[in-house]
Amino acid sequence: MIPKIRTLKATTVLFLIALCGFALAARADGPGDDPIARAVFPPELVMKHAQEINLDERQRAAIKEEVQKMQAKATDAQFDLQGESQKLVRLLQARPVDESAVLAQVDKVLNLERQVKRSQILLLVRIKNLLTEPQQARLAELRARE
């Protein structure tokens, strides 16, 4: 019973670490000192201030479509990441630990995380490209006030 609990805890920790990276990259509020976050506009921020920036229906529909695509990819990636993380945990529990197998599995996990982050950046770029210069300037002002 205890080994199953430890496996579950280790898997949960790895999964939460991966999700934290996802959450931090997708955060809407307070870009702080993050130059990337300052240069883009998360969908939550855009939709929150849609009226104030005069977002038109075409832009709204395009943003909605991009977010839906990203959510589908993120869900798939989360399941894949969980499975690959579980494999990593099993490899780490072996005695002795096969270093080359662990490193190969770590590469798989990191590649999945990379794909998630790449998709997030792509979403943010597409949203920014849908906005006009005045809309971007207004959003930057509104974000600074929050």
N, C-alpha and C. Protein backbone atom coordinates (compact mmCIF):
# COMPACT_ATOMS: atom_id res chain seq x y z
N MET A 1 0.82 -1.20 0.00
CA MET A 1 0.00 0.00 0.00
C MET A 1 0.86 1.26 0.00
N ILE A 2 1.89 1.30 0.80
CA ILE A 2 2.73 2.49 0.89
C ILE A 2 3.46 2.76 -0.44
N PRO A 3 4.02 1.75 -1.14
CA PRO A 3 4.65 2.06 -2.42
C PRO A 3 3.67 2.68 -3.42
N LYS A 4 2.42 2.24 -3.42
CA LYS A 4 1.44 2.83 -4.33
C LYS A 4 1.20 4.29 -3.99
N ILE A 5 1.15 4.60 -2.69
CA ILE A 5 0.95 5.99 -2.27
C ILE A 5 2.14 6.83 -2.70
N ARG A 6 3.36 6.30 -2.53
CA ARG A 6 4.55 7.05 -2.93
C ARG A 6 4.57 7.28 -4.44
N THR A 7 4.19 6.26 -5.20
CA THR A 7 4.12 6.41 -6.65
C THR A 7 3.11 7.47 -7.03
N LEU A 8 1.96 7.42 -6.38
CA LEU A 8 0.92 8.40 -6.66
C LEU A 8 1.40 9.80 -6.31
N LYS A 9 2.06 9.94 -5.16
CA LYS A 9 2.56 11.25 -4.75
C LYS A 9 3.61 11.76 -5.73
N ALA A 10 4.55 10.90 -6.12
CA ALA A 10 5.60 11.32 -7.04
C ALA A 10 5.01 11.72 -8.39
N THR A 11 4.07 10.94 -8.87
CA THR A 11 3.43 11.26 -10.14
C THR A 11 2.68 12.57 -10.03
N THR A 12 1.98 12.75 -8.94
CA THR A 12 1.22 13.98 -8.73
C THR A 12 2.15 15.19 -8.68
N VAL A 13 3.28 15.05 -7.99
CA VAL A 13 4.24 16.16 -7.90
C VAL A 13 4.77 16.52 -9.29
N LEU A 14 5.16 15.52 -10.07
CA LEU A 14 5.67 15.79 -11.41
C LEU A 14 4.61 16.46 -12.28
N PHE A 15 3.38 15.97 -12.17
CA PHE A 15 2.29 16.53 -12.96
C PHE A 15 2.02 17.98 -12.54
N LEU A 16 2.05 18.25 -11.24
CA LEU A 16 1.80 19.60 -10.75
C LEU A 16 2.91 20.56 -11.18
N ILE A 17 4.14 20.07 -11.20
CA ILE A 17 5.24 20.91 -11.65
C ILE A 17 5.02 21.31 -13.10
N ALA A 18 4.62 20.35 -13.91
CA ALA A 18 4.36 20.64 -15.32
C ALA A 18 3.21 21.62 -15.47
N LEU A 19 2.16 21.43 -14.68
CA LEU A 19 1.01 22.32 -14.77
C LEU A 19 1.34 23.72 -14.27
N CYS A 20 2.23 23.82 -13.30
CA CYS A 20 2.64 25.14 -12.81
C CYS A 20 3.31 25.93 -13.94
N GLY A 21 4.14 25.26 -14.71
CA GLY A 21 4.76 25.92 -15.85
C GLY A 21 3.72 26.41 -16.84
N PHE A 22 2.71 25.58 -17.06
CA PHE A 22 1.62 25.96 -17.95
C PHE A 22 0.87 27.16 -17.39
N ALA A 23 0.55 27.12 -16.12
CA ALA A 23 -0.21 28.20 -15.50
C ALA A 23 0.58 29.51 -15.49
N LEU A 24 1.86 29.42 -15.19
CA LEU A 24 2.68 30.63 -15.16
C LEU A 24 2.80 31.26 -16.53
N ALA A 25 2.94 30.44 -17.54
CA ALA A 25 3.06 30.98 -18.89
C ALA A 25 1.75 31.58 -19.38
N ALA A 26 0.65 31.09 -18.88
CA ALA A 26 -0.66 31.55 -19.37
C ALA A 26 -1.31 32.59 -18.48
N ARG A 27 -0.63 33.02 -17.43
CA ARG A 27 -1.27 33.93 -16.48
C ARG A 27 -1.68 35.23 -17.16
N ALA A 28 -2.78 35.77 -16.67
CA ALA A 28 -3.33 36.97 -17.30
C ALA A 28 -2.95 38.23 -16.55
N ASP A 29 -2.76 38.14 -15.28
CA ASP A 29 -2.55 39.33 -14.47
C ASP A 29 -1.09 39.48 -14.09
N GLY A 30 -0.69 40.73 -13.98
CA GLY A 30 0.61 41.07 -13.43
C GLY A 30 1.80 40.49 -14.14
N PRO A 31 2.13 40.97 -15.34
CA PRO A 31 3.30 40.45 -16.02
C PRO A 31 4.60 40.77 -15.29
N GLY A 32 4.53 41.73 -14.35
CA GLY A 32 5.70 42.04 -13.53
C GLY A 32 6.94 42.31 -14.36
N ASP A 33 8.01 41.61 -14.04
CA ASP A 33 9.28 41.82 -14.72
C ASP A 33 9.49 40.89 -15.91
N ASP A 34 8.46 40.19 -16.31
CA ASP A 34 8.57 39.24 -17.40
C ASP A 34 8.40 39.98 -18.74
N PRO A 35 9.50 40.16 -19.48
CA PRO A 35 9.41 40.92 -20.73
C PRO A 35 8.51 40.25 -21.78
N ILE A 36 8.44 38.94 -21.76
CA ILE A 36 7.57 38.23 -22.70
C ILE A 36 6.12 38.53 -22.36
N ALA A 37 5.77 38.44 -21.09
CA ALA A 37 4.38 38.70 -20.68
C ALA A 37 3.97 40.14 -20.99
N ARG A 38 4.91 41.07 -20.89
CA ARG A 38 4.60 42.47 -21.20
C ARG A 38 4.38 42.70 -22.69
N ALA A 39 4.93 41.83 -23.52
CA ALA A 39 4.87 42.02 -24.97
C ALA A 39 3.64 41.39 -25.62
N VAL A 40 2.90 40.59 -24.87
CA VAL A 40 1.73 39.90 -25.42
C VAL A 40 0.52 40.14 -24.54
N PHE A 41 -0.64 39.68 -25.03
CA PHE A 41 -1.89 39.90 -24.33
C PHE A 41 -2.66 38.59 -24.21
N PRO A 42 -2.76 38.05 -23.00
CA PRO A 42 -3.49 36.79 -22.83
C PRO A 42 -4.97 36.95 -23.17
N PRO A 43 -5.60 35.89 -23.60
CA PRO A 43 -7.00 35.98 -24.02
C PRO A 43 -7.92 36.50 -22.92
N GLU A 44 -7.64 36.15 -21.68
CA GLU A 44 -8.48 36.61 -20.58
C GLU A 44 -8.47 38.13 -20.47
N LEU A 45 -7.30 38.73 -20.65
CA LEU A 45 -7.17 40.19 -20.59
C LEU A 45 -7.91 40.84 -21.76
N VAL A 46 -7.74 40.27 -22.93
CA VAL A 46 -8.41 40.83 -24.11
C VAL A 46 -9.92 40.78 -23.94
N MET A 47 -10.43 39.64 -23.52
CA MET A 47 -11.88 39.49 -23.41
C MET A 47 -12.44 40.33 -22.25
N LYS A 48 -11.67 40.47 -21.20
CA LYS A 48 -12.09 41.28 -20.05
C LYS A 48 -12.31 42.74 -20.47
N HIS A 49 -11.49 43.21 -21.38
CA HIS A 49 -11.54 44.60 -21.82
C HIS A 49 -12.03 44.75 -23.26
N ALA A 50 -12.79 43.78 -23.73
CA ALA A 50 -13.24 43.78 -25.13
C ALA A 50 -13.96 45.06 -25.52
N GLN A 51 -14.85 45.53 -24.68
CA GLN A 51 -15.58 46.75 -25.00
C GLN A 51 -14.68 47.97 -25.00
N GLU A 52 -13.79 48.02 -24.01
CA GLU A 52 -12.92 49.19 -23.87
C GLU A 52 -11.93 49.34 -25.04
N ILE A 53 -11.60 48.21 -25.68
CA ILE A 53 -10.67 48.28 -26.82
C ILE A 53 -11.41 48.16 -28.15
N ASN A 54 -12.74 48.15 -28.09
CA ASN A 54 -13.57 48.05 -29.31
C ASN A 54 -13.25 46.81 -30.13
N LEU A 55 -13.21 45.69 -29.46
CA LEU A 55 -12.98 44.42 -30.15
C LEU A 55 -14.19 44.11 -31.02
N ASP A 56 -13.94 43.86 -32.29
CA ASP A 56 -15.09 43.58 -33.16
C ASP A 56 -15.40 42.07 -33.18
N GLU A 57 -16.52 41.73 -33.80
CA GLU A 57 -16.98 40.33 -33.80
C GLU A 57 -16.01 39.40 -34.51
N ARG A 58 -15.41 39.88 -35.58
CA ARG A 58 -14.43 39.06 -36.30
C ARG A 58 -13.25 38.71 -35.40
N GLN A 59 -12.75 39.72 -34.69
CA GLN A 59 -11.63 39.50 -33.78
C GLN A 59 -12.04 38.56 -32.65
N ARG A 60 -13.21 38.79 -32.09
CA ARG A 60 -13.70 37.96 -30.98
C ARG A 60 -13.81 36.49 -31.42
N ALA A 61 -14.37 36.26 -32.60
CA ALA A 61 -14.54 34.90 -33.11
C ALA A 61 -13.18 34.24 -33.37
N ALA A 62 -12.25 35.00 -33.92
CA ALA A 62 -10.92 34.45 -34.20
C ALA A 62 -10.18 34.10 -32.91
N ILE A 63 -10.29 34.95 -31.90
CA ILE A 63 -9.64 34.68 -30.61
C ILE A 63 -10.27 33.45 -29.97
N LYS A 64 -11.58 33.38 -30.01
CA LYS A 64 -12.29 32.22 -29.45
C LYS A 64 -11.82 30.93 -30.13
N GLU A 65 -11.72 30.96 -31.44
CA GLU A 65 -11.28 29.78 -32.20
C GLU A 65 -9.85 29.38 -31.81
N GLU A 66 -8.96 30.36 -31.69
CA GLU A 66 -7.57 30.07 -31.32
C GLU A 66 -7.48 29.48 -29.90
N VAL A 67 -8.27 30.03 -28.99
CA VAL A 67 -8.26 29.53 -27.61
C VAL A 67 -8.79 28.10 -27.57
N GLN A 68 -9.84 27.81 -28.32
CA GLN A 68 -10.39 26.46 -28.35
C GLN A 68 -9.39 25.46 -28.90
N LYS A 69 -8.66 25.84 -29.93
CA LYS A 69 -7.62 24.96 -30.48
C LYS A 69 -6.56 24.68 -29.42
N MET A 70 -6.14 25.75 -28.72
CA MET A 70 -5.12 25.60 -27.70
C MET A 70 -5.59 24.71 -26.56
N GLN A 71 -6.84 24.87 -26.15
CA GLN A 71 -7.36 24.05 -25.06
C GLN A 71 -7.38 22.57 -25.44
N ALA A 72 -7.73 22.28 -26.66
CA ALA A 72 -7.73 20.88 -27.11
C ALA A 72 -6.32 20.31 -27.08
N LYS A 73 -5.36 21.08 -27.57
CA LYS A 73 -3.96 20.63 -27.55
C LYS A 73 -3.46 20.47 -26.12
N ALA A 74 -3.83 21.42 -25.26
CA ALA A 74 -3.36 21.38 -23.87
C ALA A 74 -3.90 20.15 -23.15
N THR A 75 -5.16 19.81 -23.40
CA THR A 75 -5.74 18.63 -22.77
C THR A 75 -5.00 17.38 -23.20
N ASP A 76 -4.75 17.25 -24.50
CA ASP A 76 -4.00 16.09 -25.00
C ASP A 76 -2.61 16.06 -24.37
N ALA A 77 -1.96 17.21 -24.34
CA ALA A 77 -0.61 17.28 -23.79
C ALA A 77 -0.58 16.93 -22.31
N GLN A 78 -1.59 17.34 -21.56
CA GLN A 78 -1.63 17.02 -20.13
C GLN A 78 -1.72 15.51 -19.92
N PHE A 79 -2.56 14.86 -20.70
CA PHE A 79 -2.67 13.40 -20.58
C PHE A 79 -1.37 12.72 -20.98
N ASP A 80 -0.77 13.17 -22.08
CA ASP A 80 0.50 12.61 -22.52
C ASP A 80 1.58 12.84 -21.47
N LEU A 81 1.61 14.04 -20.93
CA LEU A 81 2.61 14.39 -19.93
C LEU A 81 2.45 13.55 -18.68
N GLN A 82 1.22 13.33 -18.27
CA GLN A 82 1.00 12.50 -17.09
C GLN A 82 1.49 11.07 -17.34
N GLY A 83 1.19 10.53 -18.50
CA GLY A 83 1.64 9.17 -18.82
C GLY A 83 3.14 9.06 -18.85
N GLU A 84 3.79 10.01 -19.50
CA GLU A 84 5.25 9.99 -19.59
C GLU A 84 5.90 10.24 -18.23
N SER A 85 5.28 11.05 -17.41
CA SER A 85 5.79 11.29 -16.05
C SER A 85 5.69 10.03 -15.21
N GLN A 86 4.61 9.30 -15.37
CA GLN A 86 4.47 8.03 -14.64
C GLN A 86 5.54 7.04 -15.05
N LYS A 87 5.86 7.00 -16.33
CA LYS A 87 6.94 6.13 -16.80
C LYS A 87 8.26 6.54 -16.17
N LEU A 88 8.48 7.83 -16.06
CA LEU A 88 9.71 8.33 -15.44
C LEU A 88 9.78 7.91 -13.98
N VAL A 89 8.67 8.01 -13.28
CA VAL A 89 8.64 7.60 -11.87
C VAL A 89 9.00 6.13 -11.74
N ARG A 90 8.44 5.30 -12.61
CA ARG A 90 8.74 3.85 -12.55
C ARG A 90 10.23 3.60 -12.80
N LEU A 91 10.79 4.32 -13.75
CA LEU A 91 12.23 4.16 -14.02
C LEU A 91 13.07 4.59 -12.81
N LEU A 92 12.65 5.65 -12.15
CA LEU A 92 13.40 6.15 -10.98
C LEU A 92 13.29 5.23 -9.78
N GLN A 93 12.24 4.42 -9.74
CA GLN A 93 12.05 3.51 -8.62
C GLN A 93 12.85 2.22 -8.77
N ALA A 94 13.39 1.96 -9.95
CA ALA A 94 14.15 0.73 -10.19
C ALA A 94 15.43 0.74 -9.37
N ARG A 95 15.91 -0.45 -9.11
CA ARG A 95 17.19 -0.60 -8.39
C ARG A 95 18.03 -1.61 -9.13
N PRO A 96 19.12 -1.22 -9.68
CA PRO A 96 19.63 0.14 -9.80
C PRO A 96 18.86 0.93 -10.87
N VAL A 97 19.01 2.23 -10.82
CA VAL A 97 18.34 3.10 -11.78
C VAL A 97 19.16 3.10 -13.08
N ASP A 98 18.48 2.88 -14.18
CA ASP A 98 19.10 2.89 -15.50
C ASP A 98 19.20 4.35 -15.96
N GLU A 99 20.39 4.90 -15.83
CA GLU A 99 20.59 6.32 -16.14
C GLU A 99 20.18 6.68 -17.56
N SER A 100 20.58 5.88 -18.52
CA SER A 100 20.27 6.22 -19.91
C SER A 100 18.77 6.17 -20.17
N ALA A 101 18.08 5.21 -19.57
CA ALA A 101 16.62 5.13 -19.73
C ALA A 101 15.94 6.33 -19.07
N VAL A 102 16.42 6.73 -17.90
CA VAL A 102 15.86 7.89 -17.20
C VAL A 102 16.06 9.15 -18.04
N LEU A 103 17.27 9.33 -18.55
CA LEU A 103 17.54 10.53 -19.35
C LEU A 103 16.70 10.55 -20.63
N ALA A 104 16.52 9.40 -21.24
CA ALA A 104 15.67 9.33 -22.44
C ALA A 104 14.23 9.70 -22.08
N GLN A 105 13.76 9.23 -20.94
CA GLN A 105 12.39 9.53 -20.51
C GLN A 105 12.26 11.00 -20.11
N VAL A 106 13.28 11.55 -19.46
CA VAL A 106 13.28 12.97 -19.12
C VAL A 106 13.17 13.80 -20.40
N ASP A 107 13.90 13.39 -21.43
CA ASP A 107 13.81 14.10 -22.71
C ASP A 107 12.39 14.08 -23.25
N LYS A 108 11.69 12.96 -23.11
CA LYS A 108 10.30 12.89 -23.58
C LYS A 108 9.41 13.85 -22.79
N VAL A 109 9.58 13.87 -21.48
CA VAL A 109 8.78 14.76 -20.63
C VAL A 109 9.07 16.22 -20.96
N LEU A 110 10.35 16.54 -21.07
CA LEU A 110 10.72 17.93 -21.39
C LEU A 110 10.24 18.34 -22.78
N ASN A 111 10.25 17.42 -23.73
CA ASN A 111 9.76 17.73 -25.07
C ASN A 111 8.27 18.05 -25.03
N LEU A 112 7.51 17.30 -24.24
CA LEU A 112 6.08 17.58 -24.10
C LEU A 112 5.87 18.96 -23.47
N GLU A 113 6.65 19.28 -22.45
CA GLU A 113 6.55 20.59 -21.82
C GLU A 113 6.90 21.69 -22.83
N ARG A 114 7.90 21.44 -23.64
CA ARG A 114 8.31 22.40 -24.67
C ARG A 114 7.18 22.63 -25.67
N GLN A 115 6.52 21.55 -26.07
CA GLN A 115 5.41 21.67 -27.01
C GLN A 115 4.27 22.51 -26.42
N VAL A 116 4.00 22.32 -25.13
CA VAL A 116 2.95 23.09 -24.47
C VAL A 116 3.32 24.57 -24.47
N LYS A 117 4.52 24.87 -24.08
CA LYS A 117 4.96 26.27 -24.03
C LYS A 117 4.99 26.90 -25.41
N ARG A 118 5.39 26.14 -26.40
CA ARG A 118 5.41 26.63 -27.77
C ARG A 118 3.99 26.97 -28.24
N SER A 119 3.06 26.10 -27.91
CA SER A 119 1.65 26.34 -28.26
C SER A 119 1.11 27.58 -27.57
N GLN A 120 1.51 27.77 -26.31
CA GLN A 120 1.06 28.95 -25.56
C GLN A 120 1.56 30.22 -26.21
N ILE A 121 2.83 30.24 -26.56
CA ILE A 121 3.40 31.43 -27.21
C ILE A 121 2.73 31.67 -28.55
N LEU A 122 2.50 30.61 -29.31
CA LEU A 122 1.83 30.76 -30.60
C LEU A 122 0.44 31.37 -30.43
N LEU A 123 -0.29 30.93 -29.43
CA LEU A 123 -1.61 31.50 -29.16
C LEU A 123 -1.50 32.99 -28.86
N LEU A 124 -0.56 33.36 -28.00
CA LEU A 124 -0.40 34.76 -27.64
C LEU A 124 0.01 35.62 -28.83
N VAL A 125 0.85 35.09 -29.69
CA VAL A 125 1.26 35.81 -30.89
C VAL A 125 0.07 36.01 -31.83
N ARG A 126 -0.71 34.96 -32.01
CA ARG A 126 -1.87 35.07 -32.90
C ARG A 126 -2.88 36.08 -32.37
N ILE A 127 -3.08 36.07 -31.07
CA ILE A 127 -4.00 37.06 -30.48
C ILE A 127 -3.47 38.46 -30.70
N LYS A 128 -2.19 38.66 -30.45
CA LYS A 128 -1.61 39.99 -30.63
C LYS A 128 -1.75 40.44 -32.08
N ASN A 129 -1.53 39.53 -33.01
CA ASN A 129 -1.63 39.89 -34.42
C ASN A 129 -3.07 40.20 -34.86
N LEU A 130 -4.03 39.75 -34.10
CA LEU A 130 -5.44 40.06 -34.40
C LEU A 130 -5.83 41.45 -33.93
N LEU A 131 -5.04 42.02 -33.03
CA LEU A 131 -5.35 43.33 -32.45
C LEU A 131 -4.67 44.44 -33.24
N THR A 132 -5.36 45.56 -33.33
CA THR A 132 -4.76 46.73 -33.98
C THR A 132 -3.76 47.38 -33.02
N GLU A 133 -2.95 48.27 -33.56
CA GLU A 133 -1.99 49.00 -32.72
C GLU A 133 -2.70 49.79 -31.61
N PRO A 134 -3.77 50.52 -31.92
CA PRO A 134 -4.47 51.25 -30.85
C PRO A 134 -5.06 50.30 -29.78
N GLN A 135 -5.55 49.15 -30.21
CA GLN A 135 -6.09 48.19 -29.24
C GLN A 135 -4.97 47.68 -28.33
N GLN A 136 -3.82 47.40 -28.91
CA GLN A 136 -2.69 46.93 -28.11
C GLN A 136 -2.24 48.00 -27.11
N ALA A 137 -2.18 49.23 -27.56
CA ALA A 137 -1.77 50.32 -26.67
C ALA A 137 -2.76 50.48 -25.52
N ARG A 138 -4.04 50.41 -25.84
CA ARG A 138 -5.08 50.54 -24.80
C ARG A 138 -5.00 49.38 -23.82
N LEU A 139 -4.81 48.18 -24.32
CA LEU A 139 -4.69 47.02 -23.43
C LEU A 139 -3.49 47.16 -22.50
N ALA A 140 -2.39 47.65 -23.02
CA ALA A 140 -1.20 47.85 -22.20
C ALA A 140 -1.50 48.84 -21.07
N GLU A 141 -2.24 49.91 -21.39
CA GLU A 141 -2.63 50.89 -20.36
C GLU A 141 -3.51 50.24 -19.31
N LEU A 142 -4.50 49.49 -19.78
CA LEU A 142 -5.45 48.86 -18.85
C LEU A 142 -4.75 47.83 -17.97
N ARG A 143 -3.84 47.09 -18.54
CA ARG A 143 -3.10 46.09 -17.76
C ARG A 143 -2.23 46.77 -16.70
N ALA A 144 -1.63 47.91 -17.03
CA ALA A 144 -0.79 48.63 -16.10
C ALA A 144 -1.58 49.13 -14.88
N ARG A 145 -2.85 49.40 -15.08
CA ARG A 145 -3.69 49.90 -13.99
C ARG A 145 -4.15 48.79 -13.05
N GLU A 146 -4.10 47.56 -13.53
CA GLU A 146 -4.62 46.43 -12.72
C GLU A 146 -3.66 46.04 -11.62
